[in-house]
Amino acid sequence: MTRSTGRTSAKEGRATLLAGLILVQAVCAVFFIGDVIRDFGESGHLDDLHMILESLAAAALIGGVVALSFELRALMARMSGMQAGLAIARGQLAEVIEGLFDDWRLTAAERDVALMILKGLDNEAIARIRATAPGTVRAQATRIYAKSGTEGRAQFVSLFIEELLAGDMTPAAGGNEGGAPGRGPTAPAPGPSA
């Protein structure tokens, strides 16, 4: 999550930089165009080298403003698409997690503990957050591992990573081949209910 947040911040910074550059170029282009118009009004012709160079500079700046505007628009569209994709992935991941928790028939307390395990918290931290004894958390974690058919924290977490890598993040209504609803075909079957 922090990696994609960092990418989004970098793209937002790039968009701000491009917008600032467009603004500076537009101001410079207006200055040169105004100077060319004023010089033309005074001399009446464009054969002076100074006016030709100013005209070329103004044209180049206008071209730069147009090109950077297109680049900024494309960058904003990519950022919007990435934000939408991230929101969809988060929603689908939550659905997959809830689907698996339903399959395993986890209690509300076990669901809380399981989510904290997935977030990387240890038993002592979970006990502090939930205001329970570490032994209670260990017992709940043991039941979670048994219900999920895993043998410990690492295998439990890897089960969810496997679900993400399987590419099937949409819970199925009728079930999938080789697994329960919402599971990819490579996920282990849930353990017995406690």
C-alpha atoms as a PDB file:
ATOM      1  CA  MET A   1       0.000   0.000   0.000  1.00  0.00           C
ATOM      2  CA  THR A   2       2.745   2.474   0.844  1.00  0.00           C
ATOM      3  CA  ARG A   3       4.481   1.652  -2.411  1.00  0.00           C
ATOM      4  CA  SER A   4       1.460   2.627  -4.536  1.00  0.00           C
ATOM      5  CA  THR A   5       0.824   5.645  -2.313  1.00  0.00           C
ATOM      6  CA  GLY A   6       4.406   6.742  -3.015  1.00  0.00           C
ATOM      7  CA  ARG A   7       3.859   6.279  -6.748  1.00  0.00           C
ATOM      8  CA  THR A   8       0.651   8.306  -6.598  1.00  0.00           C
ATOM      9  CA  SER A   9       2.407  11.105  -4.681  1.00  0.00           C
ATOM     10  CA  ALA A  10       5.209  11.143  -7.258  1.00  0.00           C
ATOM     11  CA  LYS A  11       2.687  11.387 -10.088  1.00  0.00           C
ATOM     12  CA  GLU A  12       0.824  14.183  -8.290  1.00  0.00           C
ATOM     13  CA  GLY A  13       4.140  16.005  -7.878  1.00  0.00           C
ATOM     14  CA  ARG A  14       4.884  15.498 -11.564  1.00  0.00           C
ATOM     15  CA  ALA A  15       1.439  16.854 -12.485  1.00  0.00           C
ATOM     16  CA  THR A  16       2.009  19.929 -10.315  1.00  0.00           C
ATOM     17  CA  LEU A  17       5.438  20.475 -11.886  1.00  0.00           C
ATOM     18  CA  LEU A  18       3.967  20.178 -15.392  1.00  0.00           C
ATOM     19  CA  ALA A  19       1.172  22.620 -14.542  1.00  0.00           C
ATOM     20  CA  GLY A  20       3.731  25.110 -13.203  1.00  0.00           C
ATOM     21  CA  LEU A  21       5.906  24.718 -16.292  1.00  0.00           C
ATOM     22  CA  ILE A  22       2.893  25.246 -18.540  1.00  0.00           C
ATOM     23  CA  LEU A  23       2.032  28.422 -16.638  1.00  0.00           C
ATOM     24  CA  VAL A  24       5.591  29.807 -16.914  1.00  0.00           C
ATOM     25  CA  GLN A  25       5.742  28.998 -20.630  1.00  0.00           C
ATOM     26  CA  ALA A  26       2.348  30.592 -21.237  1.00  0.00           C
ATOM     27  CA  VAL A  27       3.442  33.816 -19.480  1.00  0.00           C
ATOM     28  CA  CYS A  28       6.672  33.884 -21.533  1.00  0.00           C
ATOM     29  CA  ALA A  29       4.730  33.264 -24.760  1.00  0.00           C
ATOM     30  CA  VAL A  30       2.347  36.135 -23.977  1.00  0.00           C
ATOM     31  CA  PHE A  31       5.339  38.394 -23.253  1.00  0.00           C
ATOM     32  CA  PHE A  32       7.062  37.542 -26.555  1.00  0.00           C
ATOM     33  CA  ILE A  33       3.840  37.846 -28.569  1.00  0.00           C
ATOM     34  CA  GLY A  34       3.151  41.218 -26.974  1.00  0.00           C
ATOM     35  CA  ASP A  35       6.708  42.368 -27.710  1.00  0.00           C
ATOM     36  CA  VAL A  36       6.489  41.228 -31.348  1.00  0.00           C
ATOM     37  CA  ILE A  37       3.154  43.056 -31.776  1.00  0.00           C
ATOM     38  CA  ARG A  38       4.576  46.224 -30.199  1.00  0.00           C
ATOM     39  CA  ASP A  39       7.744  46.057 -32.352  1.00  0.00           C
ATOM     40  CA  PHE A  40       5.678  45.406 -35.492  1.00  0.00           C
ATOM     41  CA  GLY A  41       3.492  48.405 -34.664  1.00  0.00           C
ATOM     42  CA  GLU A  42       6.594  50.600 -34.410  1.00  0.00           C
ATOM     43  CA  SER A  43       8.453  49.376 -37.528  1.00  0.00           C
ATOM     44  CA  GLY A  44       5.597  48.057 -39.692  1.00  0.00           C
ATOM     45  CA  HIS A  45       7.512  44.982 -40.992  1.00  0.00           C
ATOM     46  CA  LEU A  46       8.963  41.669 -39.723  1.00  0.00           C
ATOM     47  CA  ASP A  47      12.324  41.663 -41.529  1.00  0.00           C
ATOM     48  CA  ASP A  48      14.296  42.660 -38.430  1.00  0.00           C
ATOM     49  CA  LEU A  49      16.302  39.701 -37.006  1.00  0.00           C
ATOM     50  CA  HIS A  50      15.237  40.638 -33.473  1.00  0.00           C
ATOM     51  CA  MET A  51      11.524  40.369 -34.362  1.00  0.00           C
ATOM     52  CA  ILE A  52      12.057  37.102 -36.237  1.00  0.00           C
ATOM     53  CA  LEU A  53      13.815  35.545 -33.220  1.00  0.00           C
ATOM     54  CA  GLU A  54      11.090  36.782 -30.865  1.00  0.00           C
ATOM     55  CA  SER A  55       8.425  35.345 -33.189  1.00  0.00           C
ATOM     56  CA  LEU A  56      10.200  31.979 -33.296  1.00  0.00           C
ATOM     57  CA  ALA A  57      10.570  31.986 -29.489  1.00  0.00           C
ATOM     58  CA  ALA A  58       6.865  32.772 -29.082  1.00  0.00           C
ATOM     59  CA  ALA A  59       5.908  29.991 -31.513  1.00  0.00           C
ATOM     60  CA  ALA A  60       8.182  27.502 -29.705  1.00  0.00           C
ATOM     61  CA  LEU A  61       6.718  28.474 -26.338  1.00  0.00           C
ATOM     62  CA  ILE A  62       3.162  28.100 -27.640  1.00  0.00           C
ATOM     63  CA  GLY A  63       4.074  24.678 -29.058  1.00  0.00           C
ATOM     64  CA  GLY A  64       5.541  23.731 -25.677  1.00  0.00           C
ATOM     65  CA  VAL A  65       2.394  24.878 -23.868  1.00  0.00           C
ATOM     66  CA  VAL A  66       0.233  22.774 -26.185  1.00  0.00           C
ATOM     67  CA  ALA A  67       2.477  19.680 -25.896  1.00  0.00           C
ATOM     68  CA  LEU A  68       2.743  19.941 -22.111  1.00  0.00           C
ATOM     69  CA  SER A  69      -1.020  20.437 -21.838  1.00  0.00           C
ATOM     70  CA  PHE A  70      -1.557  17.152 -23.674  1.00  0.00           C
ATOM     71  CA  GLU A  71       1.023  15.448 -21.439  1.00  0.00           C
ATOM     72  CA  LEU A  72      -0.662  16.840 -18.325  1.00  0.00           C
ATOM     73  CA  ARG A  73      -4.052  15.643 -19.524  1.00  0.00           C
ATOM     74  CA  ALA A  74      -2.659  12.142 -20.192  1.00  0.00           C
ATOM     75  CA  LEU A  75      -0.972  12.061 -16.778  1.00  0.00           C
ATOM     76  CA  MET A  76      -4.181  13.090 -15.042  1.00  0.00           C
ATOM     77  CA  ALA A  77      -6.109  10.377 -16.925  1.00  0.00           C
ATOM     78  CA  ARG A  78      -3.533   7.739 -15.888  1.00  0.00           C
ATOM     79  CA  MET A  79      -3.710   8.882 -12.268  1.00  0.00           C
ATOM     80  CA  SER A  80      -7.496   8.716 -12.349  1.00  0.00           C
ATOM     81  CA  GLY A  81      -7.380   5.198 -13.812  1.00  0.00           C
ATOM     82  CA  MET A  82      -4.892   4.075 -11.173  1.00  0.00           C
ATOM     83  CA  GLN A  83      -7.048   5.462  -8.366  1.00  0.00           C
ATOM     84  CA  ALA A  84     -10.119   3.692  -9.755  1.00  0.00           C
ATOM     85  CA  GLY A  85      -8.204   0.415 -10.119  1.00  0.00           C
ATOM     86  CA  LEU A  86      -6.862   0.673  -6.591  1.00  0.00           C
ATOM     87  CA  ALA A  87     -10.347   1.282  -5.193  1.00  0.00           C
ATOM     88  CA  ILE A  88     -11.687  -1.741  -7.096  1.00  0.00           C
ATOM     89  CA  ALA A  89      -8.815  -3.946  -5.891  1.00  0.00           C
ATOM     90  CA  ARG A  90      -9.364  -2.871  -2.289  1.00  0.00           C
ATOM     91  CA  GLY A  91     -13.062  -3.640  -2.527  1.00  0.00           C
ATOM     92  CA  GLN A  92     -12.466  -6.998  -4.155  1.00  0.00           C
ATOM     93  CA  LEU A  93      -9.797  -7.937  -1.633  1.00  0.00           C
ATOM     94  CA  ALA A  94     -12.211  -7.114   1.190  1.00  0.00           C
ATOM     95  CA  GLU A  95     -14.837  -9.315  -0.495  1.00  0.00           C
ATOM     96  CA  VAL A  96     -12.348 -12.189  -0.837  1.00  0.00           C
ATOM     97  CA  ILE A  97     -11.310 -11.874   2.811  1.00  0.00           C
ATOM     98  CA  GLU A  98     -14.920 -11.777   3.984  1.00  0.00           C
ATOM     99  CA  GLY A  99     -15.786 -14.706   1.711  1.00  0.00           C
ATOM    100  CA  LEU A 100     -13.004 -16.828   3.171  1.00  0.00           C
ATOM    101  CA  PHE A 101     -13.920 -15.831   6.728  1.00  0.00           C
ATOM    102  CA  ASP A 102     -17.519 -16.871   5.982  1.00  0.00           C
ATOM    103  CA  ASP A 103     -16.321 -20.184   4.509  1.00  0.00           C
ATOM    104  CA  TRP A 104     -14.321 -20.887   7.641  1.00  0.00           C
ATOM    105  CA  ARG A 105     -17.196 -19.777   9.910  1.00  0.00           C
ATOM    106  CA  LEU A 106     -14.990 -17.461  11.952  1.00  0.00           C
ATOM    107  CA  THR A 107     -16.605 -15.747  14.910  1.00  0.00           C
ATOM    108  CA  ALA A 108     -16.551 -11.942  15.136  1.00  0.00           C
ATOM    109  CA  ALA A 109     -13.601 -12.070  17.553  1.00  0.00           C
ATOM    110  CA  GLU A 110     -11.729 -14.509  15.299  1.00  0.00           C
ATOM    111  CA  ARG A 111     -12.353 -12.222  12.313  1.00  0.00           C
ATOM    112  CA  ASP A 112     -10.833  -9.292  14.213  1.00  0.00           C
ATOM    113  CA  VAL A 113      -7.798 -11.344  15.183  1.00  0.00           C
ATOM    114  CA  ALA A 114      -7.436 -12.757  11.650  1.00  0.00           C
ATOM    115  CA  LEU A 115      -7.462  -9.255  10.126  1.00  0.00           C
ATOM    116  CA  MET A 116      -4.817  -8.101  12.582  1.00  0.00           C
ATOM    117  CA  ILE A 117      -2.695 -11.154  11.743  1.00  0.00           C
ATOM    118  CA  LEU A 118      -2.998 -10.228   8.055  1.00  0.00           C
ATOM    119  CA  LYS A 119      -1.869  -6.699   8.924  1.00  0.00           C
ATOM    120  CA  GLY A 120       1.276  -8.162  10.484  1.00  0.00           C
ATOM    121  CA  LEU A 121       0.563  -7.624  14.180  1.00  0.00           C
ATOM    122  CA  ASP A 122       1.953 -10.122  16.692  1.00  0.00           C
ATOM    123  CA  ASN A 123      -0.145 -11.763  19.422  1.00  0.00           C
ATOM    124  CA  GLU A 124       0.943  -9.307  22.132  1.00  0.00           C
ATOM    125  CA  ALA A 125       0.025  -6.276  20.002  1.00  0.00           C
ATOM    126  CA  ILE A 126      -3.330  -7.842  19.123  1.00  0.00           C
ATOM    127  CA  ALA A 127      -3.977  -8.520  22.819  1.00  0.00           C
ATOM    128  CA  ARG A 128      -3.231  -4.878  23.689  1.00  0.00           C
ATOM    129  CA  ILE A 129      -5.493  -3.557  20.949  1.00  0.00           C
ATOM    130  CA  ARG A 130      -8.348  -5.908  21.833  1.00  0.00           C
ATOM    131  CA  ALA A 131      -7.784  -5.498  25.606  1.00  0.00           C
ATOM    132  CA  THR A 132      -7.511  -9.264  26.120  1.00  0.00           C
ATOM    133  CA  ALA A 133      -4.865 -11.620  27.410  1.00  0.00           C
ATOM    134  CA  PRO A 134      -2.146 -12.794  25.002  1.00  0.00           C
ATOM    135  CA  GLY A 135      -3.169 -16.387  25.788  1.00  0.00           C
ATOM    136  CA  THR A 136      -6.682 -15.640  24.522  1.00  0.00           C
ATOM    137  CA  VAL A 137      -5.261 -14.274  21.283  1.00  0.00           C
ATOM    138  CA  ARG A 138      -3.005 -17.341  20.893  1.00  0.00           C
ATOM    139  CA  ALA A 139      -6.024 -19.633  21.362  1.00  0.00           C
ATOM    140  CA  GLN A 140      -8.053 -17.634  18.827  1.00  0.00           C
ATOM    141  CA  ALA A 141      -5.165 -17.683  16.353  1.00  0.00           C
ATOM    142  CA  THR A 142      -4.848 -21.464  16.771  1.00  0.00           C
ATOM    143  CA  ARG A 143      -8.578 -21.871  16.005  1.00  0.00           C
ATOM    144  CA  ILE A 144      -8.229 -19.575  12.971  1.00  0.00           C
ATOM    145  CA  TYR A 145      -5.344 -21.644  11.625  1.00  0.00           C
ATOM    146  CA  ALA A 146      -7.295 -24.878  12.185  1.00  0.00           C
ATOM    147  CA  LYS A 147     -10.429 -23.526  10.480  1.00  0.00           C
ATOM    148  CA  SER A 148      -8.415 -22.189   7.527  1.00  0.00           C
ATOM    149  CA  GLY A 149      -6.474 -25.430   7.101  1.00  0.00           C
ATOM    150  CA  THR A 150      -3.141 -23.698   7.693  1.00  0.00           C
ATOM    151  CA  GLU A 151      -0.403 -24.580  10.139  1.00  0.00           C
ATOM    152  CA  GLY A 152       0.630 -21.146  11.363  1.00  0.00           C
ATOM    153  CA  ARG A 153       0.892 -17.437  10.777  1.00  0.00           C
ATOM    154  CA  ALA A 154       3.169 -17.587   7.730  1.00  0.00           C
ATOM    155  CA  GLN A 155       1.049 -20.155   5.922  1.00  0.00           C
ATOM    156  CA  PHE A 156      -2.138 -18.251   6.836  1.00  0.00           C
ATOM    157  CA  VAL A 157      -0.782 -15.008   5.369  1.00  0.00           C
ATOM    158  CA  SER A 158       0.556 -16.809   2.285  1.00  0.00           C
ATOM    159  CA  LEU A 159      -2.936 -18.182   1.652  1.00  0.00           C
ATOM    160  CA  PHE A 160      -4.175 -14.633   1.048  1.00  0.00           C
ATOM    161  CA  ILE A 161      -1.169 -13.759  -1.087  1.00  0.00           C
ATOM    162  CA  GLU A 162      -1.910 -16.869  -3.152  1.00  0.00           C
ATOM    163  CA  GLU A 163      -5.502 -15.658  -3.579  1.00  0.00           C
ATOM    164  CA  LEU A 164      -4.224 -12.317  -4.894  1.00  0.00           C
ATOM    165  CA  LEU A 165      -1.735 -13.940  -7.259  1.00  0.00           C
ATOM    166  CA  ALA A 166      -4.338 -16.405  -8.548  1.00  0.00           C
ATOM    167  CA  GLY A 167      -6.023 -13.447 -10.236  1.00  0.00           C
ATOM    168  CA  ASP A 168      -9.560 -14.585  -9.363  1.00  0.00           C
ATOM    169  CA  MET A 169     -10.567 -11.916  -6.879  1.00  0.00           C
ATOM    170  CA  THR A 170     -14.286 -11.984  -7.622  1.00  0.00           C
ATOM    171  CA  PRO A 171     -16.314 -14.135  -5.226  1.00  0.00           C
ATOM    172  CA  ALA A 172     -18.314 -16.642  -7.231  1.00  0.00           C
ATOM    173  CA  ALA A 173     -21.975 -17.230  -6.480  1.00  0.00           C
ATOM    174  CA  GLY A 174     -21.983 -20.969  -7.070  1.00  0.00           C
ATOM    175  CA  GLY A 175     -18.416 -21.910  -6.210  1.00  0.00           C
ATOM    176  CA  ASN A 176     -15.284 -22.523  -8.238  1.00  0.00           C
ATOM    177  CA  GLU A 177     -13.625 -25.668  -9.410  1.00  0.00           C
ATOM    178  CA  GLY A 178     -11.377 -26.958  -6.677  1.00  0.00           C
ATOM    179  CA  GLY A 179     -12.462 -24.492  -4.008  1.00  0.00           C
ATOM    180  CA  ALA A 180     -15.220 -22.826  -2.072  1.00  0.00           C
ATOM    181  CA  PRO A 181     -17.026 -19.690  -3.239  1.00  0.00           C
ATOM    182  CA  GLY A 182     -14.639 -16.786  -3.658  1.00  0.00           C
ATOM    183  CA  ARG A 183     -11.566 -19.011  -3.799  1.00  0.00           C
ATOM    184  CA  GLY A 184      -9.147 -19.706  -6.589  1.00  0.00           C
ATOM    185  CA  PRO A 185      -8.630 -23.315  -7.619  1.00  0.00           C
ATOM    186  CA  THR A 186      -5.242 -23.523  -5.858  1.00  0.00           C
ATOM    187  CA  ALA A 187      -6.351 -22.453  -2.372  1.00  0.00           C
ATOM    188  CA  PRO A 188      -6.436 -25.139   0.322  1.00  0.00           C
ATOM    189  CA  ALA A 189      -9.831 -26.325   1.503  1.00  0.00           C
ATOM    190  CA  PRO A 190     -11.064 -24.915   4.796  1.00  0.00           C
ATOM    191  CA  GLY A 191     -10.446 -26.922   7.940  1.00  0.00           C
ATOM    192  CA  PRO A 192     -13.121 -28.270  10.270  1.00  0.00           C
ATOM    193  CA  SER A 193     -15.364 -25.815  12.100  1.00  0.00           C
ATOM    194  CA  ALA A 194     -14.732 -25.271  15.784  1.00  0.00           C
END
